[in-house]
């Protein structure tokens, strides 16, 4: 994916990120994770996760930094919606979306990516979004091994 013109630069200090995995028409884990740069986090399992409901966790500063680093190249300043047939050249239904909101020292942003939107064009973005939670100590909460 080409970076949006308003992408967050590496110099931007991200303070917190809320990452939400949305439903699909299948057995996708549905959850939200909010984490601060200090590693304090909240996982909320909604459906198809090992833990349902809210669980607090603590990531190391290195884990939080790695999570932020995996997402940062794709995070816009402002809003970037890559979802639905009106915003995509090609669109496959039934796939989940990833909804990411961030706040930082110099602003905030919102990225919504539907994994069925222009799949070839956004392959790097989709991969980064899927891999980012692996940096955090939440695999047991999601139900991944």
C-alpha atoms as a PDB file:
ATOM      1  CA  UNK A   1       0.000   0.000   0.000  1.00  0.00           C
ATOM      2  CA  UNK A   2       1.256   3.446  -0.776  1.00  0.00           C
ATOM      3  CA  UNK A   3       1.406   5.467   2.396  1.00  0.00           C
ATOM      4  CA  UNK A   4      -1.331   8.054   2.649  1.00  0.00           C
ATOM      5  CA  UNK A   5      -0.048  11.589   2.234  1.00  0.00           C
ATOM      6  CA  UNK A   6      -1.008  12.271   5.816  1.00  0.00           C
ATOM      7  CA  UNK A   7       0.744   9.220   7.310  1.00  0.00           C
ATOM      8  CA  UNK A   8       2.088   9.467  10.832  1.00  0.00           C
ATOM      9  CA  UNK A   9       5.832  10.079  10.680  1.00  0.00           C
ATOM     10  CA  UNK A  10       8.336   8.121  12.725  1.00  0.00           C
ATOM     11  CA  UNK A  11       8.999  11.258  14.761  1.00  0.00           C
ATOM     12  CA  UNK A  12       5.388  11.401  15.962  1.00  0.00           C
ATOM     13  CA  UNK A  13       5.038  10.295  19.560  1.00  0.00           C
ATOM     14  CA  UNK A  14       2.047   7.921  19.710  1.00  0.00           C
ATOM     15  CA  UNK A  15       0.496   7.906  23.180  1.00  0.00           C
ATOM     16  CA  UNK A  16      -2.181   5.265  22.710  1.00  0.00           C
ATOM     17  CA  UNK A  17      -3.816   3.046  20.121  1.00  0.00           C
ATOM     18  CA  UNK A  18      -7.213   1.386  20.107  1.00  0.00           C
ATOM     19  CA  UNK A  19      -7.261  -1.595  17.748  1.00  0.00           C
ATOM     20  CA  UNK A  20     -10.553  -3.342  16.987  1.00  0.00           C
ATOM     21  CA  UNK A  21     -11.008  -6.578  15.057  1.00  0.00           C
ATOM     22  CA  UNK A  22     -14.578  -6.531  13.706  1.00  0.00           C
ATOM     23  CA  UNK A  23     -16.958  -9.383  12.831  1.00  0.00           C
ATOM     24  CA  UNK A  24     -16.901 -11.370   9.620  1.00  0.00           C
ATOM     25  CA  UNK A  25     -19.457 -13.817   8.250  1.00  0.00           C
ATOM     26  CA  UNK A  26     -17.685 -16.723   9.898  1.00  0.00           C
ATOM     27  CA  UNK A  27     -15.664 -17.532  12.987  1.00  0.00           C
ATOM     28  CA  UNK A  28     -13.410 -14.475  13.286  1.00  0.00           C
ATOM     29  CA  UNK A  29     -12.284 -13.258  16.706  1.00  0.00           C
ATOM     30  CA  UNK A  30     -13.999  -9.971  17.561  1.00  0.00           C
ATOM     31  CA  UNK A  31     -12.203  -7.858  20.141  1.00  0.00           C
ATOM     32  CA  UNK A  32     -10.823  -4.452  21.034  1.00  0.00           C
ATOM     33  CA  UNK A  33      -7.427  -3.638  22.508  1.00  0.00           C
ATOM     34  CA  UNK A  34      -6.442  -0.260  23.884  1.00  0.00           C
ATOM     35  CA  UNK A  35      -2.825   0.219  24.889  1.00  0.00           C
ATOM     36  CA  UNK A  36      -0.742   3.154  26.020  1.00  0.00           C
ATOM     37  CA  UNK A  37       2.931   3.778  25.336  1.00  0.00           C
ATOM     38  CA  UNK A  38       3.625   2.726  28.944  1.00  0.00           C
ATOM     39  CA  UNK A  39       2.270  -0.774  28.213  1.00  0.00           C
ATOM     40  CA  UNK A  40      -0.953  -0.502  30.228  1.00  0.00           C
ATOM     41  CA  UNK A  41      -3.666  -2.166  28.179  1.00  0.00           C
ATOM     42  CA  UNK A  42      -7.264  -3.294  28.151  1.00  0.00           C
ATOM     43  CA  UNK A  43      -8.474  -6.232  26.063  1.00  0.00           C
ATOM     44  CA  UNK A  44     -12.217  -6.600  25.508  1.00  0.00           C
ATOM     45  CA  UNK A  45     -13.246  -9.921  23.994  1.00  0.00           C
ATOM     46  CA  UNK A  46     -16.602  -9.675  22.250  1.00  0.00           C
ATOM     47  CA  UNK A  47     -17.078 -12.881  20.247  1.00  0.00           C
ATOM     48  CA  UNK A  48     -15.045 -15.917  19.185  1.00  0.00           C
ATOM     49  CA  UNK A  49     -12.226 -15.148  21.624  1.00  0.00           C
ATOM     50  CA  UNK A  50     -10.852 -17.236  24.498  1.00  0.00           C
ATOM     51  CA  UNK A  51     -11.834 -14.510  26.985  1.00  0.00           C
ATOM     52  CA  UNK A  52     -15.094 -12.616  26.751  1.00  0.00           C
ATOM     53  CA  UNK A  53     -15.324  -9.279  28.491  1.00  0.00           C
ATOM     54  CA  UNK A  54     -12.711  -6.862  29.733  1.00  0.00           C
ATOM     55  CA  UNK A  55      -9.259  -7.944  30.895  1.00  0.00           C
ATOM     56  CA  UNK A  56      -6.427  -5.618  31.861  1.00  0.00           C
ATOM     57  CA  UNK A  57      -2.897  -6.543  30.838  1.00  0.00           C
ATOM     58  CA  UNK A  58       0.548  -5.018  30.927  1.00  0.00           C
ATOM     59  CA  UNK A  59       2.929  -5.147  28.000  1.00  0.00           C
ATOM     60  CA  UNK A  60       6.560  -4.264  28.361  1.00  0.00           C
ATOM     61  CA  UNK A  61       7.501  -0.875  26.928  1.00  0.00           C
ATOM     62  CA  UNK A  62       9.336  -2.799  24.174  1.00  0.00           C
ATOM     63  CA  UNK A  63       6.180  -4.779  23.295  1.00  0.00           C
ATOM     64  CA  UNK A  64       4.084  -1.601  23.173  1.00  0.00           C
ATOM     65  CA  UNK A  65       6.736   0.113  21.033  1.00  0.00           C
ATOM     66  CA  UNK A  66       6.806  -2.861  18.647  1.00  0.00           C
ATOM     67  CA  UNK A  67       2.996  -2.807  18.325  1.00  0.00           C
ATOM     68  CA  UNK A  68       3.102   0.923  17.551  1.00  0.00           C
ATOM     69  CA  UNK A  69       6.003   0.433  15.114  1.00  0.00           C
ATOM     70  CA  UNK A  70       4.102  -2.232  13.140  1.00  0.00           C
ATOM     71  CA  UNK A  71       1.120   0.074  12.685  1.00  0.00           C
ATOM     72  CA  UNK A  72       2.742   3.503  12.419  1.00  0.00           C
ATOM     73  CA  UNK A  73       3.577   3.463   8.673  1.00  0.00           C
ATOM     74  CA  UNK A  74      -0.121   3.002   7.879  1.00  0.00           C
ATOM     75  CA  UNK A  75      -1.735   5.305  10.416  1.00  0.00           C
ATOM     76  CA  UNK A  76      -3.125   8.495   8.961  1.00  0.00           C
ATOM     77  CA  UNK A  77      -3.292  11.885  10.548  1.00  0.00           C
ATOM     78  CA  UNK A  78      -7.015  12.476  10.211  1.00  0.00           C
ATOM     79  CA  UNK A  79      -9.234   9.765   8.820  1.00  0.00           C
ATOM     80  CA  UNK A  80      -8.662   7.077   6.184  1.00  0.00           C
ATOM     81  CA  UNK A  81     -11.606   4.795   5.402  1.00  0.00           C
ATOM     82  CA  UNK A  82     -10.871   1.844   3.138  1.00  0.00           C
ATOM     83  CA  UNK A  83     -14.184   0.103   3.471  1.00  0.00           C
ATOM     84  CA  UNK A  84     -17.273  -0.684   1.463  1.00  0.00           C
ATOM     85  CA  UNK A  85     -17.993  -0.758  -2.241  1.00  0.00           C
ATOM     86  CA  UNK A  86     -18.072   3.049  -2.478  1.00  0.00           C
ATOM     87  CA  UNK A  87     -14.459   3.402  -1.250  1.00  0.00           C
ATOM     88  CA  UNK A  88     -12.889   0.385  -3.001  1.00  0.00           C
ATOM     89  CA  UNK A  89     -12.259  -0.488  -6.652  1.00  0.00           C
ATOM     90  CA  UNK A  90     -12.738  -4.185  -5.893  1.00  0.00           C
ATOM     91  CA  UNK A  91     -14.575  -5.389  -2.839  1.00  0.00           C
ATOM     92  CA  UNK A  92     -15.029  -8.864  -1.366  1.00  0.00           C
ATOM     93  CA  UNK A  93     -17.767  -9.229   1.214  1.00  0.00           C
ATOM     94  CA  UNK A  94     -17.799 -11.401   4.342  1.00  0.00           C
ATOM     95  CA  UNK A  95     -14.309 -10.421   5.567  1.00  0.00           C
ATOM     96  CA  UNK A  96     -13.533  -8.635   8.837  1.00  0.00           C
ATOM     97  CA  UNK A  97     -12.317  -5.087   9.190  1.00  0.00           C
ATOM     98  CA  UNK A  98      -9.648  -3.614  11.396  1.00  0.00           C
ATOM     99  CA  UNK A  99     -10.490  -0.289  13.007  1.00  0.00           C
ATOM    100  CA  UNK A 100      -7.521   1.606  14.479  1.00  0.00           C
ATOM    101  CA  UNK A 101      -7.667   4.920  16.338  1.00  0.00           C
ATOM    102  CA  UNK A 102      -4.587   6.599  17.727  1.00  0.00           C
ATOM    103  CA  UNK A 103      -3.683   9.647  19.762  1.00  0.00           C
ATOM    104  CA  UNK A 104      -0.313  11.293  20.033  1.00  0.00           C
ATOM    105  CA  UNK A 105       1.603  14.357  21.022  1.00  0.00           C
ATOM    106  CA  UNK A 106       0.818  16.073  17.722  1.00  0.00           C
ATOM    107  CA  UNK A 107      -2.682  14.870  16.901  1.00  0.00           C
ATOM    108  CA  UNK A 108      -4.756  11.802  16.300  1.00  0.00           C
ATOM    109  CA  UNK A 109      -6.098   9.645  13.531  1.00  0.00           C
ATOM    110  CA  UNK A 110      -8.451   6.899  12.452  1.00  0.00           C
ATOM    111  CA  UNK A 111      -7.881   4.058   9.989  1.00  0.00           C
ATOM    112  CA  UNK A 112     -10.678   1.687   9.020  1.00  0.00           C
ATOM    113  CA  UNK A 113      -9.633  -1.107   6.675  1.00  0.00           C
ATOM    114  CA  UNK A 114     -12.045  -3.738   5.394  1.00  0.00           C
ATOM    115  CA  UNK A 115      -9.938  -6.767   4.493  1.00  0.00           C
ATOM    116  CA  UNK A 116     -12.030  -7.233   1.342  1.00  0.00           C
ATOM    117  CA  UNK A 117     -11.128  -3.790  -0.049  1.00  0.00           C
ATOM    118  CA  UNK A 118      -8.677  -3.780  -2.959  1.00  0.00           C
ATOM    119  CA  UNK A 119      -6.884  -6.796  -1.517  1.00  0.00           C
ATOM    120  CA  UNK A 120      -3.915  -6.809  -3.897  1.00  0.00           C
ATOM    121  CA  UNK A 121      -3.279  -3.091  -3.562  1.00  0.00           C
ATOM    122  CA  UNK A 122      -3.446  -3.205   0.247  1.00  0.00           C
ATOM    123  CA  UNK A 123      -1.635  -6.501   0.864  1.00  0.00           C
ATOM    124  CA  UNK A 124       1.121  -4.882   3.003  1.00  0.00           C
ATOM    125  CA  UNK A 125      -1.436  -2.958   5.057  1.00  0.00           C
ATOM    126  CA  UNK A 126      -3.521  -6.083   5.663  1.00  0.00           C
ATOM    127  CA  UNK A 127      -0.446  -8.037   6.712  1.00  0.00           C
ATOM    128  CA  UNK A 128       0.690  -5.322   9.113  1.00  0.00           C
ATOM    129  CA  UNK A 129      -2.774  -5.076  10.658  1.00  0.00           C
ATOM    130  CA  UNK A 130      -3.033  -8.847  11.141  1.00  0.00           C
ATOM    131  CA  UNK A 131       0.487  -9.135  12.594  1.00  0.00           C
ATOM    132  CA  UNK A 132       0.432  -6.148  14.940  1.00  0.00           C
ATOM    133  CA  UNK A 133      -1.401  -7.833  17.867  1.00  0.00           C
ATOM    134  CA  UNK A 134       1.262 -10.562  17.930  1.00  0.00           C
ATOM    135  CA  UNK A 135       3.602  -7.981  19.500  1.00  0.00           C
ATOM    136  CA  UNK A 136       1.355  -7.821  22.575  1.00  0.00           C
ATOM    137  CA  UNK A 137       0.890 -10.426  25.344  1.00  0.00           C
ATOM    138  CA  UNK A 138      -2.748 -11.090  24.397  1.00  0.00           C
ATOM    139  CA  UNK A 139      -2.580 -14.322  22.358  1.00  0.00           C
ATOM    140  CA  UNK A 140      -4.175 -16.331  25.200  1.00  0.00           C
ATOM    141  CA  UNK A 141      -7.009 -13.793  25.451  1.00  0.00           C
ATOM    142  CA  UNK A 142      -7.715 -13.969  21.722  1.00  0.00           C
ATOM    143  CA  UNK A 143      -7.329 -17.739  21.681  1.00  0.00           C
ATOM    144  CA  UNK A 144      -4.267 -17.978  19.451  1.00  0.00           C
ATOM    145  CA  UNK A 145      -1.350 -20.260  20.118  1.00  0.00           C
END
